[in-house]
Amino acid sequence: MSKKAEADDRGRIVIPSEIREKHGDRYRVVELDDRVELIPLKDDPIEGFREAVGDAFDEKSIAEIKREAREGAHENALRDGSDSE
């Protein structure tokens, strides 16, 4: 589906009702080099995360996912820091 929308004098764009009914009222605005995209946000962000990554984290709690992400970021930072010396 493609619809045309224009910003009003305050920069607001109205999302057509058919699209809101299908995808909801909350969106992330993503600016890319050649366009802007609206990504629908789920009411439950964890549900949206799990849908985005498939079954990669089915057996893990949110606390485990966060801990592993922090550990990975820390390791990357240490590795990147040692590469610059």
N, C-alpha and C. Protein backbone atom coordinates (compact mmCIF):
# COMPACT_ATOMS: atom_id res chain seq x y z
N MET A 1 0.85 -1.17 0.00
CA MET A 1 0.00 0.00 0.00
C MET A 1 0.89 1.23 0.00
N SER A 2 0.52 2.20 -0.75
CA SER A 2 1.26 3.46 -0.82
C SER A 2 0.28 4.60 -0.69
N LYS A 3 0.57 5.52 0.17
CA LYS A 3 -0.27 6.70 0.39
C LYS A 3 0.60 7.93 0.36
N LYS A 4 0.03 9.05 0.00
CA LYS A 4 0.74 10.32 0.02
C LYS A 4 0.36 11.07 1.29
N ALA A 5 1.37 11.67 1.91
CA ALA A 5 1.12 12.47 3.12
C ALA A 5 2.02 13.69 3.06
N GLU A 6 1.53 14.78 3.58
CA GLU A 6 2.31 16.01 3.64
C GLU A 6 2.35 16.51 5.07
N ALA A 7 3.47 17.10 5.42
CA ALA A 7 3.61 17.67 6.76
C ALA A 7 2.86 18.99 6.83
N ASP A 8 2.24 19.26 7.99
CA ASP A 8 1.57 20.55 8.18
C ASP A 8 2.61 21.58 8.62
N ASP A 9 2.18 22.77 8.94
CA ASP A 9 3.12 23.84 9.29
C ASP A 9 3.89 23.58 10.59
N ARG A 10 3.45 22.59 11.37
CA ARG A 10 4.16 22.22 12.60
C ARG A 10 4.99 20.94 12.42
N GLY A 11 5.04 20.42 11.17
CA GLY A 11 5.84 19.24 10.88
C GLY A 11 5.14 17.93 11.15
N ARG A 12 3.85 17.95 11.42
CA ARG A 12 3.11 16.73 11.71
C ARG A 12 2.60 16.09 10.43
N ILE A 13 2.65 14.77 10.39
CA ILE A 13 2.11 13.99 9.28
C ILE A 13 1.05 13.07 9.84
N VAL A 14 -0.11 13.04 9.19
CA VAL A 14 -1.19 12.16 9.61
C VAL A 14 -1.02 10.81 8.91
N ILE A 15 -0.99 9.75 9.70
CA ILE A 15 -0.91 8.40 9.14
C ILE A 15 -2.34 7.95 8.86
N PRO A 16 -2.62 7.54 7.62
CA PRO A 16 -3.99 7.15 7.26
C PRO A 16 -4.55 6.08 8.20
N SER A 17 -5.84 6.14 8.44
CA SER A 17 -6.48 5.24 9.40
C SER A 17 -6.30 3.77 9.03
N GLU A 18 -6.31 3.43 7.74
CA GLU A 18 -6.14 2.02 7.35
C GLU A 18 -4.79 1.49 7.82
N ILE A 19 -3.77 2.33 7.74
CA ILE A 19 -2.43 1.92 8.16
C ILE A 19 -2.37 1.83 9.68
N ARG A 20 -2.94 2.80 10.39
CA ARG A 20 -2.94 2.76 11.86
C ARG A 20 -3.71 1.55 12.38
N GLU A 21 -4.83 1.21 11.72
CA GLU A 21 -5.61 0.05 12.15
C GLU A 21 -4.81 -1.24 11.99
N LYS A 22 -4.00 -1.30 10.95
CA LYS A 22 -3.22 -2.51 10.69
C LYS A 22 -1.96 -2.59 11.56
N HIS A 23 -1.28 -1.43 11.75
CA HIS A 23 0.04 -1.45 12.38
C HIS A 23 0.10 -0.77 13.75
N GLY A 24 -0.95 -0.07 14.16
CA GLY A 24 -0.94 0.58 15.46
C GLY A 24 -0.64 2.06 15.37
N ASP A 25 -0.50 2.68 16.55
CA ASP A 25 -0.32 4.13 16.65
C ASP A 25 1.09 4.56 17.02
N ARG A 26 2.00 3.63 17.25
CA ARG A 26 3.35 3.99 17.67
C ARG A 26 4.35 3.50 16.63
N TYR A 27 5.27 4.39 16.25
CA TYR A 27 6.25 4.07 15.21
C TYR A 27 7.62 4.62 15.59
N ARG A 28 8.65 3.94 15.18
CA ARG A 28 10.00 4.48 15.26
C ARG A 28 10.28 5.13 13.92
N VAL A 29 10.80 6.34 13.94
CA VAL A 29 11.16 7.06 12.72
C VAL A 29 12.63 6.79 12.46
N VAL A 30 12.94 6.21 11.30
CA VAL A 30 14.31 5.86 10.95
C VAL A 30 14.73 6.67 9.74
N GLU A 31 15.78 7.46 9.90
CA GLU A 31 16.30 8.26 8.79
C GLU A 31 17.43 7.48 8.13
N LEU A 32 17.27 7.21 6.85
CA LEU A 32 18.30 6.55 6.05
C LEU A 32 18.87 7.57 5.08
N ASP A 33 19.89 7.19 4.31
CA ASP A 33 20.51 8.14 3.39
C ASP A 33 19.53 8.71 2.38
N ASP A 34 18.64 7.86 1.86
CA ASP A 34 17.77 8.29 0.76
C ASP A 34 16.28 8.32 1.09
N ARG A 35 15.92 8.06 2.35
CA ARG A 35 14.50 8.04 2.71
C ARG A 35 14.33 8.01 4.23
N VAL A 36 13.08 8.16 4.63
CA VAL A 36 12.69 8.03 6.04
C VAL A 36 11.68 6.89 6.11
N GLU A 37 11.84 6.00 7.08
CA GLU A 37 10.92 4.88 7.25
C GLU A 37 10.26 4.94 8.61
N LEU A 38 9.02 4.49 8.67
CA LEU A 38 8.30 4.33 9.92
C LEU A 38 8.24 2.85 10.24
N ILE A 39 8.72 2.47 11.40
CA ILE A 39 8.70 1.07 11.83
C ILE A 39 7.69 0.95 12.96
N PRO A 40 6.63 0.15 12.77
CA PRO A 40 5.64 0.01 13.84
C PRO A 40 6.28 -0.56 15.11
N LEU A 41 5.88 -0.01 16.25
CA LEU A 41 6.37 -0.49 17.54
C LEU A 41 5.30 -1.34 18.20
N LYS A 42 5.70 -2.44 18.74
CA LYS A 42 4.79 -3.32 19.48
C LYS A 42 4.50 -2.71 20.85
N ASP A 43 3.34 -3.04 21.41
CA ASP A 43 3.04 -2.61 22.77
C ASP A 43 4.04 -3.20 23.75
N ASP A 44 4.45 -4.45 23.48
CA ASP A 44 5.45 -5.12 24.30
C ASP A 44 6.76 -5.14 23.53
N PRO A 45 7.74 -4.29 23.88
CA PRO A 45 8.98 -4.24 23.11
C PRO A 45 9.75 -5.55 23.11
N ILE A 46 9.61 -6.34 24.16
CA ILE A 46 10.31 -7.63 24.21
C ILE A 46 9.72 -8.57 23.16
N GLU A 47 8.40 -8.53 23.00
CA GLU A 47 7.76 -9.35 21.97
C GLU A 47 8.28 -8.94 20.59
N GLY A 48 8.38 -7.65 20.35
CA GLY A 48 8.90 -7.16 19.08
C GLY A 48 10.34 -7.59 18.86
N PHE A 49 11.16 -7.55 19.91
CA PHE A 49 12.55 -7.98 19.82
C PHE A 49 12.62 -9.46 19.47
N ARG A 50 11.83 -10.26 20.15
CA ARG A 50 11.85 -11.71 19.88
C ARG A 50 11.39 -12.01 18.45
N GLU A 51 10.40 -11.28 17.95
CA GLU A 51 9.95 -11.47 16.57
C GLU A 51 11.06 -11.10 15.59
N ALA A 52 11.80 -10.05 15.92
CA ALA A 52 12.85 -9.57 15.01
C ALA A 52 14.01 -10.55 14.89
N VAL A 53 14.34 -11.23 15.99
CA VAL A 53 15.51 -12.12 15.98
C VAL A 53 15.14 -13.59 15.88
N GLY A 54 13.88 -13.88 15.74
CA GLY A 54 13.46 -15.28 15.63
C GLY A 54 13.65 -16.03 16.93
N ASP A 55 14.08 -17.27 16.83
CA ASP A 55 14.20 -18.10 18.03
C ASP A 55 15.60 -18.07 18.63
N ALA A 56 16.41 -17.10 18.25
CA ALA A 56 17.79 -17.04 18.74
C ALA A 56 17.88 -16.92 20.26
N PHE A 57 16.87 -16.31 20.90
CA PHE A 57 16.92 -16.10 22.34
C PHE A 57 15.76 -16.74 23.07
N ASP A 58 15.14 -17.75 22.48
CA ASP A 58 13.97 -18.38 23.08
C ASP A 58 14.22 -18.92 24.48
N GLU A 59 15.39 -19.44 24.72
CA GLU A 59 15.66 -20.08 26.00
C GLU A 59 16.32 -19.15 27.01
N LYS A 60 16.45 -17.86 26.66
CA LYS A 60 17.16 -16.94 27.54
C LYS A 60 16.21 -15.89 28.11
N SER A 61 16.49 -15.50 29.35
CA SER A 61 15.72 -14.42 29.98
C SER A 61 16.27 -13.09 29.48
N ILE A 62 15.50 -12.04 29.71
CA ILE A 62 15.93 -10.70 29.34
C ILE A 62 17.21 -10.34 30.09
N ALA A 63 17.31 -10.73 31.35
CA ALA A 63 18.52 -10.44 32.13
C ALA A 63 19.74 -11.10 31.51
N GLU A 64 19.59 -12.34 31.04
CA GLU A 64 20.71 -13.03 30.39
C GLU A 64 21.11 -12.34 29.09
N ILE A 65 20.12 -11.94 28.32
CA ILE A 65 20.39 -11.26 27.04
C ILE A 65 21.13 -9.95 27.30
N LYS A 66 20.68 -9.18 28.30
CA LYS A 66 21.35 -7.92 28.63
C LYS A 66 22.78 -8.16 29.09
N ARG A 67 22.97 -9.15 29.97
CA ARG A 67 24.31 -9.44 30.49
C ARG A 67 25.26 -9.82 29.35
N GLU A 68 24.80 -10.69 28.45
CA GLU A 68 25.64 -11.11 27.33
C GLU A 68 25.95 -9.94 26.40
N ALA A 69 24.97 -9.06 26.19
CA ALA A 69 25.20 -7.89 25.33
C ALA A 69 26.25 -6.97 25.95
N ARG A 70 26.15 -6.76 27.26
CA ARG A 70 27.14 -5.91 27.95
C ARG A 70 28.53 -6.51 27.90
N GLU A 71 28.60 -7.83 28.12
CA GLU A 71 29.91 -8.51 28.07
C GLU A 71 30.51 -8.41 26.67
N GLY A 72 29.69 -8.61 25.66
CA GLY A 72 30.17 -8.50 24.28
C GLY A 72 30.64 -7.10 23.95
N ALA A 73 29.90 -6.09 24.40
CA ALA A 73 30.28 -4.70 24.15
C ALA A 73 31.60 -4.39 24.86
N HIS A 74 31.74 -4.89 26.08
CA HIS A 74 32.97 -4.66 26.85
C HIS A 74 34.17 -5.31 26.13
N GLU A 75 34.00 -6.54 25.68
CA GLU A 75 35.08 -7.23 24.96
C GLU A 75 35.44 -6.49 23.67
N ASN A 76 34.43 -6.01 22.95
CA ASN A 76 34.69 -5.26 21.72
C ASN A 76 35.44 -3.97 22.01
N ALA A 77 35.05 -3.30 23.09
CA ALA A 77 35.72 -2.05 23.45
C ALA A 77 37.19 -2.30 23.80
N LEU A 78 37.46 -3.38 24.55
CA LEU A 78 38.82 -3.71 24.90
C LEU A 78 39.63 -4.06 23.66
N ARG A 79 39.05 -4.84 22.77
CA ARG A 79 39.73 -5.25 21.54
C ARG A 79 40.00 -4.03 20.65
N ASP A 80 38.99 -3.15 20.49
CA ASP A 80 39.15 -1.96 19.66
C ASP A 80 40.21 -1.03 20.24
N GLY A 81 40.27 -0.95 21.56
CA GLY A 81 41.26 -0.10 22.21
C GLY A 81 42.66 -0.62 22.01
N SER A 82 42.83 -1.93 22.00
CA SER A 82 44.15 -2.49 21.83
C SER A 82 44.60 -2.43 20.37
N ASP A 83 43.65 -2.35 19.42
CA ASP A 83 44.00 -2.25 18.00
C ASP A 83 44.60 -0.90 17.66
N SER A 84 44.25 0.14 18.42
CA SER A 84 44.70 1.49 18.09
C SER A 84 46.11 1.77 18.62
N GLU A 85 46.66 0.91 19.45
CA GLU A 85 47.99 1.16 20.02
C GLU A 85 49.09 0.78 19.07
